[in-house]
Amino acid sequence: MGQAPIYCDAWINNAIVLQHLHSPAMWSVFQIQDILGIDNNLRRENPNDERINIPANPQHYWQYRMHISLEDLNASLAFNETFSDAIKSSGR
């Protein structure tokens, strides 16, 4: 098996999302960070910027602000087509 990676590379992120999409569960629910994380062009360079909370810090309240606009996400045709195909192939 080997040692677990320190950060979740795009290919690992993609494998996890696909595994969940192809599970027999009725629903697959993802955080937007997980969806954007499957594409090297859309994910943030620093994975710590994707955190919604820091559990050890009680003063750090849950928050997340998407780093790209919805218009830019909509214009990412290759990502949208790939993700759409993944959803369709899962039978959802």
PDB file of N, CA and C in Angstrom:
ATOM      1  N   MET A   1       0.807  -1.188   0.000  1.00  0.00           N
ATOM      2  CA  MET A   1       0.000   0.000   0.000  1.00  0.00           C
ATOM      3  C   MET A   1       0.852   1.254   0.000  1.00  0.00           C
ATOM      4  N   GLY A   2       1.845   1.335   0.848  1.00  0.00           N
ATOM      5  CA  GLY A   2       2.698   2.508   0.882  1.00  0.00           C
ATOM      6  C   GLY A   2       2.197   3.543   1.870  1.00  0.00           C
ATOM      7  N   GLN A   3       2.962   4.599   1.950  1.00  0.00           N
ATOM      8  CA  GLN A   3       2.644   5.679   2.880  1.00  0.00           C
ATOM      9  C   GLN A   3       1.596   6.613   2.273  1.00  0.00           C
ATOM     10  N   ALA A   4       0.692   7.068   3.097  1.00  0.00           N
ATOM     11  CA  ALA A   4      -0.348   7.993   2.636  1.00  0.00           C
ATOM     12  C   ALA A   4       0.298   9.318   2.247  1.00  0.00           C
ATOM     13  N   PRO A   5      -0.178   9.933   1.163  1.00  0.00           N
ATOM     14  CA  PRO A   5       0.400  11.219   0.749  1.00  0.00           C
ATOM     15  C   PRO A   5       0.041  12.323   1.739  1.00  0.00           C
ATOM     16  N   ILE A   6       0.900  13.325   1.815  1.00  0.00           N
ATOM     17  CA  ILE A   6       0.655  14.458   2.712  1.00  0.00           C
ATOM     18  C   ILE A   6      -0.505  15.294   2.190  1.00  0.00           C
ATOM     19  N   TYR A   7      -0.521  15.522   0.864  1.00  0.00           N
ATOM     20  CA  TYR A   7      -1.586  16.300   0.243  1.00  0.00           C
ATOM     21  C   TYR A   7      -2.336  15.443  -0.765  1.00  0.00           C
ATOM     22  N   CYS A   8      -3.555  15.791  -0.989  1.00  0.00           N
ATOM     23  CA  CYS A   8      -4.405  15.056  -1.935  1.00  0.00           C
ATOM     24  C   CYS A   8      -4.220  15.650  -3.326  1.00  0.00           C
ATOM     25  N   ASP A   9      -3.395  14.992  -4.147  1.00  0.00           N
ATOM     26  CA  ASP A   9      -3.190  15.445  -5.523  1.00  0.00           C
ATOM     27  C   ASP A   9      -4.486  15.319  -6.316  1.00  0.00           C
ATOM     28  N   ALA A  10      -4.539  16.003  -7.452  1.00  0.00           N
ATOM     29  CA  ALA A  10      -5.756  16.014  -8.272  1.00  0.00           C
ATOM     30  C   ALA A  10      -6.189  14.607  -8.668  1.00  0.00           C
ATOM     31  N   TRP A  11      -5.246  13.741  -9.021  1.00  0.00           N
ATOM     32  CA  TRP A  11      -5.619  12.386  -9.455  1.00  0.00           C
ATOM     33  C   TRP A  11      -6.216  11.584  -8.300  1.00  0.00           C
ATOM     34  N   ILE A  12      -5.721  11.813  -7.078  1.00  0.00           N
ATOM     35  CA  ILE A  12      -6.287  11.127  -5.907  1.00  0.00           C
ATOM     36  C   ILE A  12      -7.688  11.669  -5.643  1.00  0.00           C
ATOM     37  N   ASN A  13      -7.813  12.974  -5.688  1.00  0.00           N
ATOM     38  CA  ASN A  13      -9.114  13.627  -5.495  1.00  0.00           C
ATOM     39  C   ASN A  13     -10.136  13.086  -6.494  1.00  0.00           C
ATOM     40  N   ASN A  14      -9.709  12.983  -7.749  1.00  0.00           N
ATOM     41  CA  ASN A  14     -10.588  12.480  -8.799  1.00  0.00           C
ATOM     42  C   ASN A  14     -11.005  11.034  -8.515  1.00  0.00           C
ATOM     43  N   ALA A  15     -10.057  10.208  -8.099  1.00  0.00           N
ATOM     44  CA  ALA A  15     -10.370   8.801  -7.800  1.00  0.00           C
ATOM     45  C   ALA A  15     -11.390   8.690  -6.666  1.00  0.00           C
ATOM     46  N   ILE A  16     -11.251   9.536  -5.661  1.00  0.00           N
ATOM     47  CA  ILE A  16     -12.190   9.504  -4.528  1.00  0.00           C
ATOM     48  C   ILE A  16     -13.593   9.928  -4.980  1.00  0.00           C
ATOM     49  N   VAL A  17     -13.664  11.017  -5.750  1.00  0.00           N
ATOM     50  CA  VAL A  17     -14.967  11.497  -6.232  1.00  0.00           C
ATOM     51  C   VAL A  17     -15.616  10.430  -7.117  1.00  0.00           C
ATOM     52  N   LEU A  18     -14.855   9.841  -8.031  1.00  0.00           N
ATOM     53  CA  LEU A  18     -15.409   8.799  -8.911  1.00  0.00           C
ATOM     54  C   LEU A  18     -15.871   7.585  -8.113  1.00  0.00           C
ATOM     55  N   GLN A  19     -15.098   7.204  -7.103  1.00  0.00           N
ATOM     56  CA  GLN A  19     -15.482   6.064  -6.265  1.00  0.00           C
ATOM     57  C   GLN A  19     -16.827   6.334  -5.589  1.00  0.00           C
ATOM     58  N   HIS A  20     -17.013   7.545  -5.114  1.00  0.00           N
ATOM     59  CA  HIS A  20     -18.283   7.886  -4.476  1.00  0.00           C
ATOM     60  C   HIS A  20     -19.425   7.963  -5.494  1.00  0.00           C
ATOM     61  N   LEU A  21     -19.130   8.497  -6.676  1.00  0.00           N
ATOM     62  CA  LEU A  21     -20.173   8.565  -7.709  1.00  0.00           C
ATOM     63  C   LEU A  21     -20.640   7.176  -8.138  1.00  0.00           C
ATOM     64  N   HIS A  22     -19.728   6.228  -8.146  1.00  0.00           N
ATOM     65  CA  HIS A  22     -20.063   4.871  -8.597  1.00  0.00           C
ATOM     66  C   HIS A  22     -20.478   3.931  -7.459  1.00  0.00           C
ATOM     67  N   SER A  23     -20.634   4.477  -6.272  1.00  0.00           N
ATOM     68  CA  SER A  23     -21.090   3.645  -5.156  1.00  0.00           C
ATOM     69  C   SER A  23     -22.584   3.345  -5.329  1.00  0.00           C
ATOM     70  N   PRO A  24     -23.087   2.324  -4.650  1.00  0.00           N
ATOM     71  CA  PRO A  24     -24.516   2.006  -4.763  1.00  0.00           C
ATOM     72  C   PRO A  24     -25.421   2.935  -3.941  1.00  0.00           C
ATOM     73  N   ALA A  25     -24.827   3.935  -3.306  1.00  0.00           N
ATOM     74  CA  ALA A  25     -25.617   4.863  -2.498  1.00  0.00           C
ATOM     75  C   ALA A  25     -26.569   5.664  -3.379  1.00  0.00           C
ATOM     76  N   MET A  26     -27.674   6.066  -2.805  1.00  0.00           N
ATOM     77  CA  MET A  26     -28.662   6.847  -3.540  1.00  0.00           C
ATOM     78  C   MET A  26     -28.132   8.254  -3.847  1.00  0.00           C
ATOM     79  N   TRP A  27     -27.352   8.822  -2.948  1.00  0.00           N
ATOM     80  CA  TRP A  27     -26.865  10.189  -3.086  1.00  0.00           C
ATOM     81  C   TRP A  27     -25.341  10.221  -2.988  1.00  0.00           C
ATOM     82  N   SER A  28     -24.757  11.166  -3.666  1.00  0.00           N
ATOM     83  CA  SER A  28     -23.342  11.510  -3.484  1.00  0.00           C
ATOM     84  C   SER A  28     -23.310  13.007  -3.218  1.00  0.00           C
ATOM     85  N   VAL A  29     -22.779  13.372  -2.064  1.00  0.00           N
ATOM     86  CA  VAL A  29     -22.727  14.780  -1.671  1.00  0.00           C
ATOM     87  C   VAL A  29     -21.267  15.159  -1.496  1.00  0.00           C
ATOM     88  N   PHE A  30     -20.877  16.256  -2.117  1.00  0.00           N
ATOM     89  CA  PHE A  30     -19.485  16.681  -2.082  1.00  0.00           C
ATOM     90  C   PHE A  30     -19.381  18.139  -1.668  1.00  0.00           C
ATOM     91  N   GLN A  31     -18.275  18.470  -1.019  1.00  0.00           N
ATOM     92  CA  GLN A  31     -17.949  19.871  -0.810  1.00  0.00           C
ATOM     93  C   GLN A  31     -17.398  20.396  -2.125  1.00  0.00           C
ATOM     94  N   ILE A  32     -17.574  21.674  -2.377  1.00  0.00           N
ATOM     95  CA  ILE A  32     -17.096  22.259  -3.630  1.00  0.00           C
ATOM     96  C   ILE A  32     -15.576  22.103  -3.757  1.00  0.00           C
ATOM     97  N   GLN A  33     -14.858  22.091  -2.636  1.00  0.00           N
ATOM     98  CA  GLN A  33     -13.416  21.897  -2.673  1.00  0.00           C
ATOM     99  C   GLN A  33     -13.063  20.547  -3.293  1.00  0.00           C
ATOM    100  N   ASP A  34     -13.859  19.517  -2.991  1.00  0.00           N
ATOM    101  CA  ASP A  34     -13.610  18.189  -3.540  1.00  0.00           C
ATOM    102  C   ASP A  34     -13.845  18.158  -5.039  1.00  0.00           C
ATOM    103  N   ILE A  35     -14.868  18.855  -5.489  1.00  0.00           N
ATOM    104  CA  ILE A  35     -15.176  18.903  -6.925  1.00  0.00           C
ATOM    105  C   ILE A  35     -14.080  19.660  -7.672  1.00  0.00           C
ATOM    106  N   LEU A  36     -13.754  20.863  -7.198  1.00  0.00           N
ATOM    107  CA  LEU A  36     -12.729  21.665  -7.865  1.00  0.00           C
ATOM    108  C   LEU A  36     -11.352  21.022  -7.755  1.00  0.00           C
ATOM    109  N   GLY A  37     -11.146  20.241  -6.724  1.00  0.00           N
ATOM    110  CA  GLY A  37      -9.850  19.618  -6.491  1.00  0.00           C
ATOM    111  C   GLY A  37      -9.474  18.542  -7.491  1.00  0.00           C
ATOM    112  N   ILE A  38     -10.425  18.112  -8.324  1.00  0.00           N
ATOM    113  CA  ILE A  38     -10.093  17.078  -9.308  1.00  0.00           C
ATOM    114  C   ILE A  38      -9.412  17.654 -10.538  1.00  0.00           C
ATOM    115  N   ASP A  39      -9.353  18.977 -10.640  1.00  0.00           N
ATOM    116  CA  ASP A  39      -8.774  19.633 -11.806  1.00  0.00           C
ATOM    117  C   ASP A  39      -7.592  20.510 -11.381  1.00  0.00           C
ATOM    118  N   ASN A  40      -6.425  20.232 -11.946  1.00  0.00           N
ATOM    119  CA  ASN A  40      -5.226  21.006 -11.593  1.00  0.00           C
ATOM    120  C   ASN A  40      -5.361  22.486 -11.921  1.00  0.00           C
ATOM    121  N   ASN A  41      -6.196  22.836 -12.877  1.00  0.00           N
ATOM    122  CA  ASN A  41      -6.360  24.236 -13.259  1.00  0.00           C
ATOM    123  C   ASN A  41      -7.332  24.990 -12.360  1.00  0.00           C
ATOM    124  N   LEU A  42      -8.177  24.275 -11.643  1.00  0.00           N
ATOM    125  CA  LEU A  42      -9.190  24.929 -10.799  1.00  0.00           C
ATOM    126  C   LEU A  42      -8.864  24.861  -9.307  1.00  0.00           C
ATOM    127  N   ARG A  43      -8.079  23.916  -8.923  1.00  0.00           N
ATOM    128  CA  ARG A  43      -7.779  23.767  -7.497  1.00  0.00           C
ATOM    129  C   ARG A  43      -6.801  24.840  -7.051  1.00  0.00           C
ATOM    130  N   ARG A  44      -6.834  25.137  -5.794  1.00  0.00           N
ATOM    131  CA  ARG A  44      -5.880  26.097  -5.232  1.00  0.00           C
ATOM    132  C   ARG A  44      -4.525  25.415  -5.082  1.00  0.00           C
ATOM    133  N   GLU A  45      -3.478  26.201  -5.209  1.00  0.00           N
ATOM    134  CA  GLU A  45      -2.126  25.648  -5.097  1.00  0.00           C
ATOM    135  C   GLU A  45      -1.841  25.185  -3.676  1.00  0.00           C
ATOM    136  N   ASN A  46      -2.288  25.954  -2.703  1.00  0.00           N
ATOM    137  CA  ASN A  46      -2.057  25.617  -1.300  1.00  0.00           C
ATOM    138  C   ASN A  46      -3.295  24.916  -0.749  1.00  0.00           C
ATOM    139  N   PRO A  47      -3.198  23.621  -0.428  1.00  0.00           N
ATOM    140  CA  PRO A  47      -4.376  22.894   0.058  1.00  0.00           C
ATOM    141  C   PRO A  47      -4.913  23.418   1.386  1.00  0.00           C
ATOM    142  N   ASN A  48      -4.082  24.073   2.169  1.00  0.00           N
ATOM    143  CA  ASN A  48      -4.572  24.631   3.435  1.00  0.00           C
ATOM    144  C   ASN A  48      -5.574  25.752   3.212  1.00  0.00           C
ATOM    145  N   ASP A  49      -5.538  26.379   2.031  1.00  0.00           N
ATOM    146  CA  ASP A  49      -6.521  27.420   1.711  1.00  0.00           C
ATOM    147  C   ASP A  49      -7.917  26.845   1.488  1.00  0.00           C
ATOM    148  N   GLU A  50      -8.025  25.536   1.371  1.00  0.00           N
ATOM    149  CA  GLU A  50      -9.315  24.881   1.142  1.00  0.00           C
ATOM    150  C   GLU A  50     -10.010  24.476   2.441  1.00  0.00           C
ATOM    151  N   ARG A  51      -9.360  24.653   3.538  1.00  0.00           N
ATOM    152  CA  ARG A  51      -9.943  24.240   4.814  1.00  0.00           C
ATOM    153  C   ARG A  51     -11.139  25.107   5.163  1.00  0.00           C
ATOM    154  N   ILE A  52     -12.172  24.470   5.710  1.00  0.00           N
ATOM    155  CA  ILE A  52     -13.330  25.244   6.151  1.00  0.00           C
ATOM    156  C   ILE A  52     -13.271  25.529   7.653  1.00  0.00           C
ATOM    157  N   ASN A  53     -12.402  24.820   8.354  1.00  0.00           N
ATOM    158  CA  ASN A  53     -12.243  25.089   9.774  1.00  0.00           C
ATOM    159  C   ASN A  53     -10.893  24.555  10.244  1.00  0.00           C
ATOM    160  N   ILE A  54     -10.488  25.016  11.404  1.00  0.00           N
ATOM    161  CA  ILE A  54      -9.287  24.511  12.067  1.00  0.00           C
ATOM    162  C   ILE A  54      -9.761  23.990  13.419  1.00  0.00           C
ATOM    163  N   PRO A  55      -9.942  22.680  13.559  1.00  0.00           N
ATOM    164  CA  PRO A  55     -10.552  22.131  14.775  1.00  0.00           C
ATOM    165  C   PRO A  55      -9.836  22.507  16.070  1.00  0.00           C
ATOM    166  N   ALA A  56      -8.530  22.681  16.027  1.00  0.00           N
ATOM    167  CA  ALA A  56      -7.787  23.004  17.243  1.00  0.00           C
ATOM    168  C   ALA A  56      -7.955  24.456  17.674  1.00  0.00           C
ATOM    169  N   ASN A  57      -8.553  25.281  16.819  1.00  0.00           N
ATOM    170  CA  ASN A  57      -8.730  26.698  17.131  1.00  0.00           C
ATOM    171  C   ASN A  57     -10.215  26.994  17.308  1.00  0.00           C
ATOM    172  N   PRO A  58     -10.681  27.136  18.554  1.00  0.00           N
ATOM    173  CA  PRO A  58     -12.109  27.364  18.776  1.00  0.00           C
ATOM    174  C   PRO A  58     -12.589  28.725  18.275  1.00  0.00           C
ATOM    175  N   GLN A  59     -11.677  29.628  17.961  1.00  0.00           N
ATOM    176  CA  GLN A  59     -12.054  30.940  17.443  1.00  0.00           C
ATOM    177  C   GLN A  59     -12.131  30.968  15.917  1.00  0.00           C
ATOM    178  N   HIS A  60     -11.790  29.868  15.278  1.00  0.00           N
ATOM    179  CA  HIS A  60     -11.833  29.804  13.814  1.00  0.00           C
ATOM    180  C   HIS A  60     -13.147  29.142  13.425  1.00  0.00           C
ATOM    181  N   TYR A  61     -14.106  29.950  13.027  1.00  0.00           N
ATOM    182  CA  TYR A  61     -15.428  29.440  12.710  1.00  0.00           C
ATOM    183  C   TYR A  61     -15.473  28.935  11.277  1.00  0.00           C
ATOM    184  N   TRP A  62     -16.351  27.997  11.019  1.00  0.00           N
ATOM    185  CA  TRP A  62     -16.472  27.410   9.688  1.00  0.00           C
ATOM    186  C   TRP A  62     -16.747  28.499   8.654  1.00  0.00           C
ATOM    187  N   GLN A  63     -15.932  28.491   7.619  1.00  0.00           N
ATOM    188  CA  GLN A  63     -16.111  29.459   6.542  1.00  0.00           C
ATOM    189  C   GLN A  63     -15.416  28.945   5.290  1.00  0.00           C
ATOM    190  N   TYR A  64     -15.916  29.346   4.171  1.00  0.00           N
ATOM    191  CA  TYR A  64     -15.266  29.024   2.898  1.00  0.00           C
ATOM    192  C   TYR A  64     -15.733  30.024   1.854  1.00  0.00           C
ATOM    193  N   ARG A  65     -14.801  30.529   1.102  1.00  0.00           N
ATOM    194  CA  ARG A  65     -15.116  31.426  -0.006  1.00  0.00           C
ATOM    195  C   ARG A  65     -14.465  30.838  -1.245  1.00  0.00           C
ATOM    196  N   MET A  66     -15.277  30.576  -2.252  1.00  0.00           N
ATOM    197  CA  MET A  66     -14.762  30.015  -3.493  1.00  0.00           C
ATOM    198  C   MET A  66     -13.822  31.024  -4.147  1.00  0.00           C
ATOM    199  N   HIS A  67     -12.712  30.552  -4.639  1.00  0.00           N
ATOM    200  CA  HIS A  67     -11.661  31.426  -5.162  1.00  0.00           C
ATOM    201  C   HIS A  67     -11.832  31.787  -6.639  1.00  0.00           C
ATOM    202  N   ILE A  68     -12.838  31.246  -7.282  1.00  0.00           N
ATOM    203  CA  ILE A  68     -13.124  31.614  -8.666  1.00  0.00           C
ATOM    204  C   ILE A  68     -14.604  31.985  -8.759  1.00  0.00           C
ATOM    205  N   SER A  69     -14.914  32.783  -9.741  1.00  0.00           N
ATOM    206  CA  SER A  69     -16.315  33.194  -9.901  1.00  0.00           C
ATOM    207  C   SER A  69     -17.099  32.073 -10.580  1.00  0.00           C
ATOM    208  N   LEU A  70     -18.402  32.109 -10.443  1.00  0.00           N
ATOM    209  CA  LEU A  70     -19.243  31.126 -11.119  1.00  0.00           C
ATOM    210  C   LEU A  70     -19.125  31.244 -12.630  1.00  0.00           C
ATOM    211  N   GLU A  71     -18.899  32.463 -13.113  1.00  0.00           N
ATOM    212  CA  GLU A  71     -18.718  32.659 -14.553  1.00  0.00           C
ATOM    213  C   GLU A  71     -17.448  31.962 -15.041  1.00  0.00           C
ATOM    214  N   ASP A  72     -16.372  32.065 -14.264  1.00  0.00           N
ATOM    215  CA  ASP A  72     -15.128  31.376 -14.640  1.00  0.00           C
ATOM    216  C   ASP A  72     -15.288  29.862 -14.557  1.00  0.00           C
ATOM    217  N   LEU A  73     -16.011  29.398 -13.554  1.00  0.00           N
ATOM    218  CA  LEU A  73     -16.265  27.966 -13.441  1.00  0.00           C
ATOM    219  C   LEU A  73     -17.098  27.479 -14.617  1.00  0.00           C
ATOM    220  N   ASN A  74     -18.098  28.229 -14.984  1.00  0.00           N
ATOM    221  CA  ASN A  74     -18.934  27.883 -16.127  1.00  0.00           C
ATOM    222  C   ASN A  74     -18.134  27.881 -17.432  1.00  0.00           C
ATOM    223  N   ALA A  75     -17.144  28.738 -17.525  1.00  0.00           N
ATOM    224  CA  ALA A  75     -16.316  28.837 -18.734  1.00  0.00           C
ATOM    225  C   ALA A  75     -15.252  27.742 -18.810  1.00  0.00           C
ATOM    226  N   SER A  76     -15.074  26.974 -17.751  1.00  0.00           N
ATOM    227  CA  SER A  76     -14.087  25.883 -17.730  1.00  0.00           C
ATOM    228  C   SER A  76     -14.691  24.662 -18.417  1.00  0.00           C
ATOM    229  N   LEU A  77     -14.770  24.734 -19.728  1.00  0.00           N
ATOM    230  CA  LEU A  77     -15.492  23.731 -20.505  1.00  0.00           C
ATOM    231  C   LEU A  77     -14.927  22.327 -20.352  1.00  0.00           C
ATOM    232  N   ALA A  78     -13.609  22.172 -20.360  1.00  0.00           N
ATOM    233  CA  ALA A  78     -13.010  20.839 -20.242  1.00  0.00           C
ATOM    234  C   ALA A  78     -13.373  20.204 -18.901  1.00  0.00           C
ATOM    235  N   PHE A  79     -13.271  20.983 -17.818  1.00  0.00           N
ATOM    236  CA  PHE A  79     -13.643  20.480 -16.494  1.00  0.00           C
ATOM    237  C   PHE A  79     -15.112  20.096 -16.452  1.00  0.00           C
ATOM    238  N   ASN A  80     -15.979  20.990 -16.933  1.00  0.00           N
ATOM    239  CA  ASN A  80     -17.416  20.737 -16.884  1.00  0.00           C
ATOM    240  C   ASN A  80     -17.803  19.508 -17.696  1.00  0.00           C
ATOM    241  N   GLU A  81     -17.191  19.338 -18.852  1.00  0.00           N
ATOM    242  CA  GLU A  81     -17.497  18.174 -19.681  1.00  0.00           C
ATOM    243  C   GLU A  81     -17.016  16.886 -19.013  1.00  0.00           C
ATOM    244  N   THR A  82     -15.814  16.915 -18.461  1.00  0.00           N
ATOM    245  CA  THR A  82     -15.266  15.731 -17.792  1.00  0.00           C
ATOM    246  C   THR A  82     -16.116  15.347 -16.588  1.00  0.00           C
ATOM    247  N   PHE A  83     -16.487  16.338 -15.780  1.00  0.00           N
ATOM    248  CA  PHE A  83     -17.278  16.047 -14.590  1.00  0.00           C
ATOM    249  C   PHE A  83     -18.679  15.595 -14.961  1.00  0.00           C
ATOM    250  N   SER A  84     -19.253  16.204 -15.978  1.00  0.00           N
ATOM    251  CA  SER A  84     -20.568  15.793 -16.457  1.00  0.00           C
ATOM    252  C   SER A  84     -20.550  14.341 -16.961  1.00  0.00           C
ATOM    253  N   ASP A  85     -19.503  13.998 -17.706  1.00  0.00           N
ATOM    254  CA  ASP A  85     -19.366  12.624 -18.188  1.00  0.00           C
ATOM    255  C   ASP A  85     -19.223  11.631 -17.043  1.00  0.00           C
ATOM    256  N   ALA A  86     -18.501  12.029 -16.001  1.00  0.00           N
ATOM    257  CA  ALA A  86     -18.337  11.156 -14.840  1.00  0.00           C
ATOM    258  C   ALA A  86     -19.680  10.906 -14.160  1.00  0.00           C
ATOM    259  N   ILE A  87     -20.486  11.940 -14.043  1.00  0.00           N
ATOM    260  CA  ILE A  87     -21.809  11.796 -13.422  1.00  0.00           C
ATOM    261  C   ILE A  87     -22.701  10.898 -14.277  1.00  0.00           C
ATOM    262  N   LYS A  88     -22.676  11.127 -15.588  1.00  0.00           N
ATOM    263  CA  LYS A  88     -23.506  10.308 -16.483  1.00  0.00           C
ATOM    264  C   LYS A  88     -23.079   8.851 -16.465  1.00  0.00           C
ATOM    265  N   SER A  89     -21.776   8.601 -16.429  1.00  0.00           N
ATOM    266  CA  SER A  89     -21.294   7.215 -16.440  1.00  0.00           C
ATOM    267  C   SER A  89     -21.611   6.486 -15.133  1.00  0.00           C
ATOM    268  N   SER A  90     -21.883   7.264 -14.082  1.00  0.00           N
ATOM    269  CA  SER A  90     -22.204   6.640 -12.795  1.00  0.00           C
ATOM    270  C   SER A  90     -23.674   6.204 -12.737  1.00  0.00           C
ATOM    271  N   GLY A  91     -24.470   6.665 -13.716  1.00  0.00           N
ATOM    272  CA  GLY A  91     -25.881   6.297 -13.730  1.00  0.00           C
ATOM    273  C   GLY A  91     -26.742   7.181 -12.855  1.00  0.00           C
ATOM    274  N   ARG A  92     -26.218   8.266 -12.394  1.00  0.00           N
ATOM    275  CA  ARG A  92     -27.001   9.172 -11.526  1.00  0.00           C
ATOM    276  C   ARG A  92     -27.802  10.137 -12.353  1.00  0.00           C
TER     277      ARG A  92
END
